[in-house]
Amino acid sequence: MHPAEINCAIEMAGSSQSKIARKRRVSPSMVNKVIHGLAVSRHIHKEIAKTIGKDLSEIWPDYYTKKAVNQ
């Protein structure tokens, strides 16, 4: 997903980068860096995915791949 799409999805979910930062006990700028691909943090990725209701592989396919089922 493009960073603008991620930000839009976060807002549509009724959340914000600041709320995600508070939940993960990091700075809002760190969340912003993760969204824009300037930093990688699995726990922030997971919180964003949970917030917007998407799988990690849908948001960051370069870092996460869906495992094939029944192969």
PDB file of N, CA and C in Angstrom:
ATOM      1  N   MET A   1       0.843  -1.191   0.000  1.00  0.00           N
ATOM      2  CA  MET A   1       0.000   0.000   0.000  1.00  0.00           C
ATOM      3  C   MET A   1       0.878   1.240   0.000  1.00  0.00           C
ATOM      4  N   HIS A   2       0.397   2.249  -0.645  1.00  0.00           N
ATOM      5  CA  HIS A   2       1.069   3.541  -0.657  1.00  0.00           C
ATOM      6  C   HIS A   2       0.874   4.201   0.713  1.00  0.00           C
ATOM      7  N   PRO A   3       1.860   4.980   1.176  1.00  0.00           N
ATOM      8  CA  PRO A   3       1.714   5.632   2.486  1.00  0.00           C
ATOM      9  C   PRO A   3       0.431   6.450   2.629  1.00  0.00           C
ATOM     10  N   ALA A   4       0.012   7.124   1.566  1.00  0.00           N
ATOM     11  CA  ALA A   4      -1.225   7.907   1.644  1.00  0.00           C
ATOM     12  C   ALA A   4      -2.435   7.001   1.873  1.00  0.00           C
ATOM     13  N   GLU A   5      -2.418   5.805   1.274  1.00  0.00           N
ATOM     14  CA  GLU A   5      -3.510   4.848   1.475  1.00  0.00           C
ATOM     15  C   GLU A   5      -3.524   4.336   2.915  1.00  0.00           C
ATOM     16  N   ILE A   6      -2.346   4.104   3.457  1.00  0.00           N
ATOM     17  CA  ILE A   6      -2.248   3.640   4.844  1.00  0.00           C
ATOM     18  C   ILE A   6      -2.797   4.714   5.781  1.00  0.00           C
ATOM     19  N   ASN A   7      -2.359   5.951   5.573  1.00  0.00           N
ATOM     20  CA  ASN A   7      -2.842   7.049   6.416  1.00  0.00           C
ATOM     21  C   ASN A   7      -4.343   7.208   6.307  1.00  0.00           C
ATOM     22  N   CYS A   8      -4.877   7.111   5.117  1.00  0.00           N
ATOM     23  CA  CYS A   8      -6.324   7.223   4.909  1.00  0.00           C
ATOM     24  C   CYS A   8      -7.055   6.086   5.628  1.00  0.00           C
ATOM     25  N   ALA A   9      -6.530   4.873   5.507  1.00  0.00           N
ATOM     26  CA  ALA A   9      -7.153   3.719   6.166  1.00  0.00           C
ATOM     27  C   ALA A   9      -7.136   3.873   7.685  1.00  0.00           C
ATOM     28  N   ILE A  10      -6.054   4.426   8.219  1.00  0.00           N
ATOM     29  CA  ILE A  10      -5.957   4.662   9.667  1.00  0.00           C
ATOM     30  C   ILE A  10      -7.036   5.658  10.092  1.00  0.00           C
ATOM     31  N   GLU A  11      -7.184   6.735   9.330  1.00  0.00           N
ATOM     32  CA  GLU A  11      -8.212   7.732   9.649  1.00  0.00           C
ATOM     33  C   GLU A  11      -9.612   7.147   9.519  1.00  0.00           C
ATOM     34  N   MET A  12      -9.834   6.360   8.462  1.00  0.00           N
ATOM     35  CA  MET A  12     -11.151   5.749   8.251  1.00  0.00           C
ATOM     36  C   MET A  12     -11.503   4.787   9.377  1.00  0.00           C
ATOM     37  N   ALA A  13     -10.483   4.216  10.013  1.00  0.00           N
ATOM     38  CA  ALA A  13     -10.696   3.301  11.132  1.00  0.00           C
ATOM     39  C   ALA A  13     -10.916   4.062  12.441  1.00  0.00           C
ATOM     40  N   GLY A  14     -10.882   5.385  12.364  1.00  0.00           N
ATOM     41  CA  GLY A  14     -11.100   6.190  13.565  1.00  0.00           C
ATOM     42  C   GLY A  14      -9.880   6.307  14.446  1.00  0.00           C
ATOM     43  N   SER A  15      -8.715   6.112  13.874  1.00  0.00           N
ATOM     44  CA  SER A  15      -7.487   6.176  14.651  1.00  0.00           C
ATOM     45  C   SER A  15      -6.565   7.248  14.066  1.00  0.00           C
ATOM     46  N   SER A  16      -5.339   7.282  14.553  1.00  0.00           N
ATOM     47  CA  SER A  16      -4.346   8.236  14.070  1.00  0.00           C
ATOM     48  C   SER A  16      -2.948   7.674  14.328  1.00  0.00           C
ATOM     49  N   GLN A  17      -1.975   8.289  13.694  1.00  0.00           N
ATOM     50  CA  GLN A  17      -0.600   7.877  13.935  1.00  0.00           C
ATOM     51  C   GLN A  17      -0.240   8.070  15.408  1.00  0.00           C
ATOM     52  N   SER A  18      -0.742   9.128  16.013  1.00  0.00           N
ATOM     53  CA  SER A  18      -0.456   9.387  17.429  1.00  0.00           C
ATOM     54  C   SER A  18      -1.035   8.308  18.332  1.00  0.00           C
ATOM     55  N   LYS A  19      -2.257   7.855  18.030  1.00  0.00           N
ATOM     56  CA  LYS A  19      -2.867   6.785  18.835  1.00  0.00           C
ATOM     57  C   LYS A  19      -2.071   5.489  18.706  1.00  0.00           C
ATOM     58  N   ILE A  20      -1.643   5.178  17.490  1.00  0.00           N
ATOM     59  CA  ILE A  20      -0.826   3.977  17.271  1.00  0.00           C
ATOM     60  C   ILE A  20       0.487   4.109  18.028  1.00  0.00           C
ATOM     61  N   ALA A  21       1.082   5.285  17.990  1.00  0.00           N
ATOM     62  CA  ALA A  21       2.347   5.521  18.697  1.00  0.00           C
ATOM     63  C   ALA A  21       2.178   5.312  20.204  1.00  0.00           C
ATOM     64  N   ARG A  22       1.089   5.831  20.757  1.00  0.00           N
ATOM     65  CA  ARG A  22       0.854   5.656  22.194  1.00  0.00           C
ATOM     66  C   ARG A  22       0.687   4.180  22.549  1.00  0.00           C
ATOM     67  N   LYS A  23      -0.059   3.439  21.720  1.00  0.00           N
ATOM     68  CA  LYS A  23      -0.268   2.013  21.994  1.00  0.00           C
ATOM     69  C   LYS A  23       1.045   1.242  21.974  1.00  0.00           C
ATOM     70  N   ARG A  24       1.933   1.587  21.072  1.00  0.00           N
ATOM     71  CA  ARG A  24       3.197   0.855  20.928  1.00  0.00           C
ATOM     72  C   ARG A  24       4.340   1.506  21.710  1.00  0.00           C
ATOM     73  N   ARG A  25       4.030   2.604  22.383  1.00  0.00           N
ATOM     74  CA  ARG A  25       5.021   3.320  23.198  1.00  0.00           C
ATOM     75  C   ARG A  25       6.244   3.752  22.379  1.00  0.00           C
ATOM     76  N   VAL A  26       5.935   4.371  21.242  1.00  0.00           N
ATOM     77  CA  VAL A  26       6.973   4.950  20.387  1.00  0.00           C
ATOM     78  C   VAL A  26       6.525   6.367  20.029  1.00  0.00           C
ATOM     79  N   SER A  27       7.389   7.109  19.372  1.00  0.00           N
ATOM     80  CA  SER A  27       7.031   8.468  18.971  1.00  0.00           C
ATOM     81  C   SER A  27       6.172   8.442  17.716  1.00  0.00           C
ATOM     82  N   PRO A  28       5.309   9.449  17.563  1.00  0.00           N
ATOM     83  CA  PRO A  28       4.531   9.542  16.329  1.00  0.00           C
ATOM     84  C   PRO A  28       5.413   9.611  15.088  1.00  0.00           C
ATOM     85  N   SER A  29       6.584  10.230  15.217  1.00  0.00           N
ATOM     86  CA  SER A  29       7.487  10.310  14.057  1.00  0.00           C
ATOM     87  C   SER A  29       7.991   8.930  13.653  1.00  0.00           C
ATOM     88  N   MET A  30       8.134   8.024  14.619  1.00  0.00           N
ATOM     89  CA  MET A  30       8.552   6.660  14.293  1.00  0.00           C
ATOM     90  C   MET A  30       7.455   5.957  13.496  1.00  0.00           C
ATOM     91  N   VAL A  31       6.215   6.128  13.888  1.00  0.00           N
ATOM     92  CA  VAL A  31       5.088   5.538  13.151  1.00  0.00           C
ATOM     93  C   VAL A  31       5.077   6.099  11.733  1.00  0.00           C
ATOM     94  N   ASN A  32       5.279   7.394  11.598  1.00  0.00           N
ATOM     95  CA  ASN A  32       5.314   8.026  10.288  1.00  0.00           C
ATOM     96  C   ASN A  32       6.444   7.458   9.429  1.00  0.00           C
ATOM     97  N   LYS A  33       7.608   7.252  10.022  1.00  0.00           N
ATOM     98  CA  LYS A  33       8.746   6.678   9.286  1.00  0.00           C
ATOM     99  C   LYS A  33       8.429   5.265   8.809  1.00  0.00           C
ATOM    100  N   VAL A  34       7.770   4.492   9.643  1.00  0.00           N
ATOM    101  CA  VAL A  34       7.399   3.125   9.264  1.00  0.00           C
ATOM    102  C   VAL A  34       6.400   3.161   8.110  1.00  0.00           C
ATOM    103  N   ILE A  35       5.417   4.022   8.196  1.00  0.00           N
ATOM    104  CA  ILE A  35       4.418   4.133   7.137  1.00  0.00           C
ATOM    105  C   ILE A  35       5.071   4.518   5.805  1.00  0.00           C
ATOM    106  N   HIS A  36       6.050   5.396   5.862  1.00  0.00           N
ATOM    107  CA  HIS A  36       6.719   5.867   4.644  1.00  0.00           C
ATOM    108  C   HIS A  36       7.904   5.000   4.223  1.00  0.00           C
ATOM    109  N   GLY A  37       8.128   3.904   4.923  1.00  0.00           N
ATOM    110  CA  GLY A  37       9.194   2.985   4.536  1.00  0.00           C
ATOM    111  C   GLY A  37      10.593   3.441   4.883  1.00  0.00           C
ATOM    112  N   LEU A  38      10.706   4.421   5.764  1.00  0.00           N
ATOM    113  CA  LEU A  38      12.019   4.916   6.166  1.00  0.00           C
ATOM    114  C   LEU A  38      12.572   4.149   7.365  1.00  0.00           C
ATOM    115  N   ALA A  39      11.717   3.350   7.986  1.00  0.00           N
ATOM    116  CA  ALA A  39      12.101   2.497   9.108  1.00  0.00           C
ATOM    117  C   ALA A  39      11.219   1.254   9.053  1.00  0.00           C
ATOM    118  N   VAL A  40      11.702   0.179   9.655  1.00  0.00           N
ATOM    119  CA  VAL A  40      10.938  -1.069   9.698  1.00  0.00           C
ATOM    120  C   VAL A  40      10.795  -1.491  11.157  1.00  0.00           C
ATOM    121  N   SER A  41       9.569  -1.765  11.556  1.00  0.00           N
ATOM    122  CA  SER A  41       9.299  -2.216  12.908  1.00  0.00           C
ATOM    123  C   SER A  41       8.131  -3.190  12.864  1.00  0.00           C
ATOM    124  N   ARG A  42       8.401  -4.430  13.164  1.00  0.00           N
ATOM    125  CA  ARG A  42       7.347  -5.447  13.104  1.00  0.00           C
ATOM    126  C   ARG A  42       6.197  -5.118  14.053  1.00  0.00           C
ATOM    127  N   HIS A  43       6.499  -4.652  15.259  1.00  0.00           N
ATOM    128  CA  HIS A  43       5.397  -4.386  16.195  1.00  0.00           C
ATOM    129  C   HIS A  43       4.558  -3.190  15.752  1.00  0.00           C
ATOM    130  N   ILE A  44       5.140  -2.218  15.083  1.00  0.00           N
ATOM    131  CA  ILE A  44       4.351  -1.111  14.547  1.00  0.00           C
ATOM    132  C   ILE A  44       3.574  -1.580  13.324  1.00  0.00           C
ATOM    133  N   HIS A  45       4.201  -2.379  12.469  1.00  0.00           N
ATOM    134  CA  HIS A  45       3.491  -2.960  11.329  1.00  0.00           C
ATOM    135  C   HIS A  45       2.248  -3.702  11.808  1.00  0.00           C
ATOM    136  N   LYS A  46       2.417  -4.532  12.837  1.00  0.00           N
ATOM    137  CA  LYS A  46       1.297  -5.317  13.349  1.00  0.00           C
ATOM    138  C   LYS A  46       0.176  -4.428  13.890  1.00  0.00           C
ATOM    139  N   GLU A  47       0.533  -3.376  14.594  1.00  0.00           N
ATOM    140  CA  GLU A  47      -0.473  -2.466  15.160  1.00  0.00           C
ATOM    141  C   GLU A  47      -1.239  -1.754  14.048  1.00  0.00           C
ATOM    142  N   ILE A  48      -0.532  -1.327  13.007  1.00  0.00           N
ATOM    143  CA  ILE A  48      -1.197  -0.674  11.880  1.00  0.00           C
ATOM    144  C   ILE A  48      -2.134  -1.659  11.194  1.00  0.00           C
ATOM    145  N   ALA A  49      -1.652  -2.867  10.945  1.00  0.00           N
ATOM    146  CA  ALA A  49      -2.474  -3.889  10.285  1.00  0.00           C
ATOM    147  C   ALA A  49      -3.731  -4.183  11.102  1.00  0.00           C
ATOM    148  N   LYS A  50      -3.571  -4.314  12.397  1.00  0.00           N
ATOM    149  CA  LYS A  50      -4.711  -4.564  13.287  1.00  0.00           C
ATOM    150  C   LYS A  50      -5.696  -3.390  13.236  1.00  0.00           C
ATOM    151  N   THR A  51      -5.174  -2.181  13.245  1.00  0.00           N
ATOM    152  CA  THR A  51      -6.006  -0.979  13.232  1.00  0.00           C
ATOM    153  C   THR A  51      -6.841  -0.882  11.970  1.00  0.00           C
ATOM    154  N   ILE A  52      -6.225  -1.190  10.812  1.00  0.00           N
ATOM    155  CA  ILE A  52      -6.951  -1.017   9.545  1.00  0.00           C
ATOM    156  C   ILE A  52      -7.590  -2.310   9.039  1.00  0.00           C
ATOM    157  N   GLY A  53      -7.394  -3.405   9.767  1.00  0.00           N
ATOM    158  CA  GLY A  53      -8.049  -4.661   9.424  1.00  0.00           C
ATOM    159  C   GLY A  53      -7.520  -5.318   8.163  1.00  0.00           C
ATOM    160  N   LYS A  54      -6.228  -5.210   7.947  1.00  0.00           N
ATOM    161  CA  LYS A  54      -5.615  -5.841   6.778  1.00  0.00           C
ATOM    162  C   LYS A  54      -4.475  -6.739   7.209  1.00  0.00           C
ATOM    163  N   ASP A  55      -4.143  -7.693   6.358  1.00  0.00           N
ATOM    164  CA  ASP A  55      -3.024  -8.591   6.594  1.00  0.00           C
ATOM    165  C   ASP A  55      -1.716  -7.840   6.330  1.00  0.00           C
ATOM    166  N   LEU A  56      -0.686  -8.203   7.070  1.00  0.00           N
ATOM    167  CA  LEU A  56       0.624  -7.574   6.870  1.00  0.00           C
ATOM    168  C   LEU A  56       1.083  -7.644   5.424  1.00  0.00           C
ATOM    169  N   SER A  57       0.825  -8.764   4.762  1.00  0.00           N
ATOM    170  CA  SER A  57       1.281  -8.945   3.382  1.00  0.00           C
ATOM    171  C   SER A  57       0.537  -8.043   2.401  1.00  0.00           C
ATOM    172  N   GLU A  58      -0.649  -7.585   2.770  1.00  0.00           N
ATOM    173  CA  GLU A  58      -1.395  -6.659   1.916  1.00  0.00           C
ATOM    174  C   GLU A  58      -0.816  -5.251   1.990  1.00  0.00           C
ATOM    175  N   ILE A  59      -0.290  -4.905   3.139  1.00  0.00           N
ATOM    176  CA  ILE A  59       0.228  -3.559   3.354  1.00  0.00           C
ATOM    177  C   ILE A  59       1.693  -3.459   2.942  1.00  0.00           C
ATOM    178  N   TRP A  60       2.491  -4.434   3.364  1.00  0.00           N
ATOM    179  CA  TRP A  60       3.931  -4.443   3.082  1.00  0.00           C
ATOM    180  C   TRP A  60       4.338  -5.758   2.428  1.00  0.00           C
ATOM    181  N   PRO A  61       3.968  -5.962   1.158  1.00  0.00           N
ATOM    182  CA  PRO A  61       4.270  -7.240   0.495  1.00  0.00           C
ATOM    183  C   PRO A  61       5.772  -7.528   0.355  1.00  0.00           C
ATOM    184  N   ASP A  62       6.596  -6.485   0.387  1.00  0.00           N
ATOM    185  CA  ASP A  62       8.047  -6.705   0.286  1.00  0.00           C
ATOM    186  C   ASP A  62       8.624  -7.329   1.555  1.00  0.00           C
ATOM    187  N   TYR A  63       7.934  -7.179   2.678  1.00  0.00           N
ATOM    188  CA  TYR A  63       8.425  -7.707   3.949  1.00  0.00           C
ATOM    189  C   TYR A  63       7.708  -8.973   4.404  1.00  0.00           C
ATOM    190  N   TYR A  64       6.456  -9.098   3.995  1.00  0.00           N
ATOM    191  CA  TYR A  64       5.646 -10.226   4.466  1.00  0.00           C
ATOM    192  C   TYR A  64       4.969 -10.890   3.274  1.00  0.00           C
ATOM    193  N   THR A  65       4.965 -12.191   3.254  1.00  0.00           N
ATOM    194  CA  THR A  65       4.269 -12.917   2.204  1.00  0.00           C
ATOM    195  C   THR A  65       3.224 -13.804   2.843  1.00  0.00           C
ATOM    196  N   LYS A  66       2.110 -13.957   2.143  1.00  0.00           N
ATOM    197  CA  LYS A  66       1.073 -14.876   2.636  1.00  0.00           C
ATOM    198  C   LYS A  66       1.541 -16.291   2.405  1.00  0.00           C
ATOM    199  N   LYS A  67       1.344 -17.119   3.389  1.00  0.00           N
ATOM    200  CA  LYS A  67       1.691 -18.528   3.245  1.00  0.00           C
ATOM    201  C   LYS A  67       0.593 -19.248   2.471  1.00  0.00           C
ATOM    202  N   ALA A  68       1.012 -20.055   1.541  1.00  0.00           N
ATOM    203  CA  ALA A  68       0.046 -20.813   0.754  1.00  0.00           C
ATOM    204  C   ALA A  68      -0.654 -21.828   1.653  1.00  0.00           C
ATOM    205  N   VAL A  69      -1.940 -21.996   1.448  1.00  0.00           N
ATOM    206  CA  VAL A  69      -2.736 -22.920   2.236  1.00  0.00           C
ATOM    207  C   VAL A  69      -2.832 -24.238   1.485  1.00  0.00           C
ATOM    208  N   ASN A  70      -2.623 -25.356   2.201  1.00  0.00           N
ATOM    209  CA  ASN A  70      -2.731 -26.697   1.645  1.00  0.00           C
ATOM    210  C   ASN A  70      -1.788 -26.965   0.476  1.00  0.00           C
ATOM    211  N   GLN A  71      -0.562 -26.534   0.606  1.00  0.00           N
ATOM    212  CA  GLN A  71       0.416 -26.858  -0.443  1.00  0.00           C
ATOM    213  C   GLN A  71       1.544 -27.659   0.131  1.00  0.00           C
TER     214      GLN A  71
END
